[in-house]
Protein backbone atom coordinates (compact mmCIF):
# COMPACT_ATOMS: atom_id res chain seq x y z
CA UNK A 1 9.86 10.72 17.20
CA UNK A 2 7.97 12.60 14.49
CA UNK A 3 8.75 13.31 10.87
CA UNK A 4 9.50 16.95 10.20
CA UNK A 5 7.16 18.30 7.56
CA UNK A 6 4.99 15.17 7.46
CA UNK A 7 1.24 15.40 8.08
CA UNK A 8 0.41 14.15 11.56
CA UNK A 9 -1.16 10.88 10.39
CA UNK A 10 1.90 10.04 8.27
CA UNK A 11 4.28 10.80 11.16
CA UNK A 12 2.15 8.70 13.53
CA UNK A 13 2.13 5.81 11.05
CA UNK A 14 5.90 6.02 10.60
CA UNK A 15 6.37 5.93 14.36
CA UNK A 16 4.08 2.90 14.69
CA UNK A 17 5.92 1.12 11.86
CA UNK A 18 9.28 1.68 13.58
CA UNK A 19 8.16 0.74 17.09
CA UNK A 20 6.16 -2.25 15.86
CA UNK A 21 9.03 -3.65 13.82
CA UNK A 22 7.24 -3.31 10.48
CA UNK A 23 9.89 -0.91 9.17
CA UNK A 24 13.47 -2.03 9.78
CA UNK A 25 16.88 -0.74 8.80
CA UNK A 26 19.94 -2.85 8.05
CA UNK A 27 20.70 -5.04 5.03
CA UNK A 28 17.92 -6.93 3.26
CA UNK A 29 18.00 -8.88 0.01
CA UNK A 30 14.91 -8.21 -2.09
CA UNK A 31 13.30 -10.46 -4.71
CA UNK A 32 15.13 -8.36 -7.29
CA UNK A 33 18.41 -9.39 -5.57
CA UNK A 34 19.09 -5.77 -4.71
CA UNK A 35 20.42 -5.19 -1.19
CA UNK A 36 18.12 -2.68 0.46
CA UNK A 37 19.02 -0.70 3.61
CA UNK A 38 15.41 -0.83 4.76
CA UNK A 39 12.49 -3.27 4.66
CA UNK A 40 8.76 -2.85 5.29
CA UNK A 41 6.48 -5.73 6.28
CA UNK A 42 2.84 -4.86 6.98
CA UNK A 43 2.37 -8.39 8.33
CA UNK A 44 3.98 -7.18 11.56
CA UNK A 45 0.98 -4.96 12.37
CA UNK A 46 -0.67 -7.91 14.11
CA UNK A 47 -1.07 -6.35 17.56
CA UNK A 48 -4.28 -4.47 18.35
CA UNK A 49 -2.67 -1.05 18.84
CA UNK A 50 -0.61 -1.46 15.66
CA UNK A 51 -3.65 -2.58 13.66
CA UNK A 52 -5.44 0.56 14.83
CA UNK A 53 -2.46 2.63 13.75
CA UNK A 54 -2.29 1.21 10.23
CA UNK A 55 -6.07 1.25 9.68
CA UNK A 56 -6.18 4.88 10.83
CA UNK A 57 -3.41 5.77 8.38
CA UNK A 58 -5.20 4.06 5.48
CA UNK A 59 -8.50 5.68 6.38
CA UNK A 60 -7.01 9.17 6.61
CA UNK A 61 -5.14 8.70 3.32
CA UNK A 62 -8.42 7.68 1.66
CA UNK A 63 -10.30 10.62 3.18
CA UNK A 64 -7.55 13.00 2.05
CA UNK A 65 -7.76 11.55 -1.48
CA UNK A 66 -11.52 12.07 -1.53
CA UNK A 67 -11.08 15.69 -0.49
CA UNK A 68 -8.34 16.42 -3.02
CA UNK A 69 -9.25 14.24 -6.01
CA UNK A 70 -12.91 13.30 -5.47
CA UNK A 71 -12.14 9.59 -5.00
CA UNK A 72 -15.43 7.72 -4.59
CA UNK A 73 -15.92 3.98 -4.06
CA UNK A 74 -18.43 1.43 -2.81
CA UNK A 75 -16.20 -1.49 -1.80
CA UNK A 76 -12.72 -1.78 -0.29
CA UNK A 77 -11.00 -4.89 -1.66
CA UNK A 78 -8.08 -6.61 0.08
CA UNK A 79 -6.06 -9.11 -1.98
CA UNK A 80 -5.26 -12.30 -0.06
CA UNK A 81 -3.54 -12.54 2.26
CA UNK A 82 -2.06 -9.36 3.71
CA UNK A 83 -4.74 -7.22 2.13
CA UNK A 84 -7.54 -8.95 4.03
CA UNK A 85 -7.02 -7.43 7.51
CA UNK A 86 -6.02 -4.12 5.89
CA UNK A 87 -9.29 -3.86 3.94
CA UNK A 88 -11.57 -4.96 6.78
CA UNK A 89 -9.95 -2.75 9.41
CA UNK A 90 -9.85 0.25 7.03
CA UNK A 91 -13.60 -0.06 6.37
CA UNK A 92 -14.21 -0.12 10.12
CA UNK A 93 -12.00 2.92 10.70
CA UNK A 94 -13.56 4.91 7.84
CA UNK A 95 -17.01 4.33 9.32
CA UNK A 96 -15.75 5.36 12.77
CA UNK A 97 -14.15 8.60 11.52
CA UNK A 98 -16.93 9.65 9.13
CA UNK A 99 -20.07 7.54 9.54
CA UNK A 100 -22.16 9.81 7.34
CA UNK A 101 -19.90 9.29 4.32
CA UNK A 102 -18.57 5.80 4.95
CA UNK A 103 -21.16 4.12 7.16
CA UNK A 104 -22.38 1.89 4.33
CA UNK A 105 -19.01 1.15 2.70
CA UNK A 106 -18.40 -2.59 2.20
CA UNK A 107 -15.39 -4.86 1.99
CA UNK A 108 -14.43 -7.90 -0.06
CA UNK A 109 -11.40 -10.13 -0.46
CA UNK A 110 -10.42 -13.05 -2.62
CA UNK A 111 -9.57 -16.66 -1.97
CA UNK A 112 -6.33 -18.02 -3.35
CA UNK A 113 -8.28 -21.04 -4.59
CA UNK A 114 -11.94 -21.13 -5.63
CA UNK A 115 -14.32 -22.75 -3.14
CA UNK A 116 -16.04 -25.75 -4.73
CA UNK A 117 -18.85 -26.13 -2.18
CA UNK A 118 -21.40 -23.97 -0.39
CA UNK A 119 -21.68 -20.60 -2.10
CA UNK A 120 -18.54 -21.34 -4.11
CA UNK A 121 -16.48 -18.76 -5.96
CA UNK A 122 -13.30 -16.84 -5.22
CA UNK A 123 -14.74 -13.68 -3.61
CA UNK A 124 -15.70 -13.31 0.06
CA UNK A 125 -17.71 -10.35 1.28
CA UNK A 126 -19.64 -7.79 -0.75
CA UNK A 127 -20.58 -8.64 -4.34
CA UNK A 128 -18.54 -6.58 -6.80
CA UNK A 129 -20.86 -6.44 -9.81
CA UNK A 130 -21.62 -2.85 -10.74
CA UNK A 131 -19.54 -1.50 -7.85
CA UNK A 132 -16.66 1.00 -7.68
CA UNK A 133 -13.81 -0.86 -5.99
CA UNK A 134 -10.79 0.52 -4.11
CA UNK A 135 -7.91 -1.93 -3.66
CA UNK A 136 -5.99 -1.72 -0.37
CA UNK A 137 -2.71 -3.60 0.06
CA UNK A 138 0.70 -3.30 1.73
CA UNK A 139 3.17 -2.53 -1.08
CA UNK A 140 3.63 -2.89 -4.83
CA UNK A 141 6.65 -5.06 -5.63
CA UNK A 142 6.47 -6.33 -9.19
CA UNK A 143 2.79 -5.44 -9.52
CA UNK A 144 1.72 -9.02 -10.27
CA UNK A 145 -0.63 -9.31 -7.28
CA UNK A 146 -2.35 -6.01 -8.16
CA UNK A 147 -2.85 -7.09 -11.79
CA UNK A 148 -4.37 -10.35 -10.55
CA UNK A 149 -6.67 -8.44 -8.19
CA UNK A 150 -7.77 -6.06 -10.94
CA UNK A 151 -8.52 -9.00 -13.25
CA UNK A 152 -10.58 -10.76 -10.56
CA UNK A 153 -12.56 -7.62 -9.79
CA UNK A 154 -13.26 -6.97 -13.47
CA UNK A 155 -14.32 -10.60 -13.94
CA UNK A 156 -16.86 -10.13 -11.15
CA UNK A 157 -18.24 -7.02 -12.89
CA UNK A 158 -16.62 -4.42 -10.65
CA UNK A 159 -14.72 -1.29 -11.67
CA UNK A 160 -11.40 -0.55 -9.98
CA UNK A 161 -11.19 3.17 -9.17
CA UNK A 162 -7.87 3.26 -7.29
CA UNK A 163 -5.24 1.50 -5.22
CA UNK A 164 -3.88 2.48 -1.81
CA UNK A 165 -0.67 0.99 -0.42
CA UNK A 166 1.28 1.61 2.77
CA UNK A 167 4.68 2.35 1.23
CA UNK A 168 5.87 3.54 -2.18
CA UNK A 169 9.54 2.57 -2.44
CA UNK A 170 9.88 4.94 -5.45
CA UNK A 171 12.21 2.29 -6.84
CA UNK A 172 12.69 1.58 -10.52
CA UNK A 173 12.06 -1.80 -12.02
CA UNK A 174 15.12 -3.84 -12.98
CA UNK A 175 16.24 -3.18 -16.55
CA UNK A 176 15.66 -6.16 -18.89
CA UNK A 177 19.37 -6.17 -19.73
CA UNK A 178 20.45 -5.89 -16.09
CA UNK A 179 21.82 -2.34 -16.45
CA UNK A 180 20.64 -0.54 -13.31
CA UNK A 181 21.96 2.79 -14.60
CA UNK A 182 19.17 3.02 -17.18
CA UNK A 183 16.05 5.08 -16.42
CA UNK A 184 13.12 2.81 -15.63
CA UNK A 185 9.64 3.36 -14.17
CA UNK A 186 8.64 2.05 -10.76
CA UNK A 187 6.15 -0.78 -10.34
CA UNK A 188 3.58 1.80 -9.24
CA UNK A 189 4.39 4.01 -12.23
CA UNK A 190 4.00 1.07 -14.58
CA UNK A 191 0.61 0.18 -13.09
CA UNK A 192 -0.55 3.80 -13.40
CA UNK A 193 0.47 3.78 -17.06
CA UNK A 194 -1.20 0.43 -17.79
CA UNK A 195 -4.52 1.06 -16.06
CA UNK A 196 -4.81 4.84 -15.75
CA UNK A 197 -5.60 4.47 -12.04
CA UNK A 198 -4.72 6.70 -9.10
CA UNK A 199 -2.29 4.78 -6.88
CA UNK A 200 -1.78 6.35 -3.47
CA UNK A 201 0.74 5.60 -0.74
CA UNK A 202 0.63 6.52 2.94
CA UNK A 203 4.42 6.90 2.96
CA UNK A 204 6.94 7.30 0.17
CA UNK A 205 10.67 6.69 0.49
CA UNK A 206 11.08 10.48 0.58
CA UNK A 207 8.74 10.58 3.61
CA UNK A 208 10.69 7.81 5.33
CA UNK A 209 14.02 9.59 4.83
CA UNK A 210 12.48 12.85 6.06
CA UNK A 211 11.29 11.07 9.20
CA UNK A 212 14.60 9.26 9.68
CA UNK A 213 16.36 12.58 10.29
CA UNK A 214 14.67 12.75 13.70
CA UNK A 215 15.71 9.32 14.99
CA UNK A 216 18.06 7.31 12.74
CA UNK A 217 21.83 7.16 12.72
CA UNK A 218 23.78 9.15 10.15
CA UNK A 219 24.96 5.84 8.68
CA UNK A 220 21.43 4.54 8.15
CA UNK A 221 20.32 7.86 6.66
CA UNK A 222 23.32 7.95 4.33
CA UNK A 223 22.81 4.37 3.13
CA UNK A 224 19.13 4.97 2.49
CA UNK A 225 19.82 8.19 0.59
CA UNK A 226 22.46 6.41 -1.51
CA UNK A 227 20.00 3.62 -2.29
CA UNK A 228 17.36 6.16 -3.31
CA UNK A 229 19.82 7.94 -5.60
CA UNK A 230 20.92 4.68 -7.25
CA UNK A 231 17.50 3.09 -7.79
CA UNK A 232 15.08 6.03 -7.97
CA UNK A 233 12.45 5.51 -10.64
CA UNK A 234 12.06 7.79 -13.64
CA UNK A 235 8.32 8.39 -12.99
């Protein structure tokens, strides 16, 4: 299986997500109460070969962003909990692929609750003061976790320079009045507007549908296309 038209690292990541059970098709109720025909869970990349696959995809997405937009950073930050293995493994993979550029890159992550003994605090890993920080996480749902992470990083004296996620659902936020026919931005679009940050995704829903044409049933493709048409964000 490979996604037609997708860069090799995106197609490889999509294949790993399917085979590893991180990306599933069927009927899934989201927090928004919408019924989605697909669901992505980065927590399922817990096996060594799958962890290598996802860290490689993050690293190559970051390298591509540096080449195309000049993205520079000192620390990769993983919000607890799913972001922790993503950040640490991405730092390792970046250093493996390009040790000259990324050999001294650091990682940090946060605690859910501040430690009240020893060194204390809420941050584990590299100090953030005066550093350019790249946030790495699985997805953006409502954006609450990313806002919390940005606030923590800023409190520690760091500057957030971007966010990288595994999947951009390209899905609009629920309308305040419950009318899903109204144009609305996505969670990612709203975060971009609020903070003026580049927010990158390894795969978008468009990429997933493109890849599905090589392996999925016509029913699954049709349902996913219908969902995209109904809930596609305005940004």
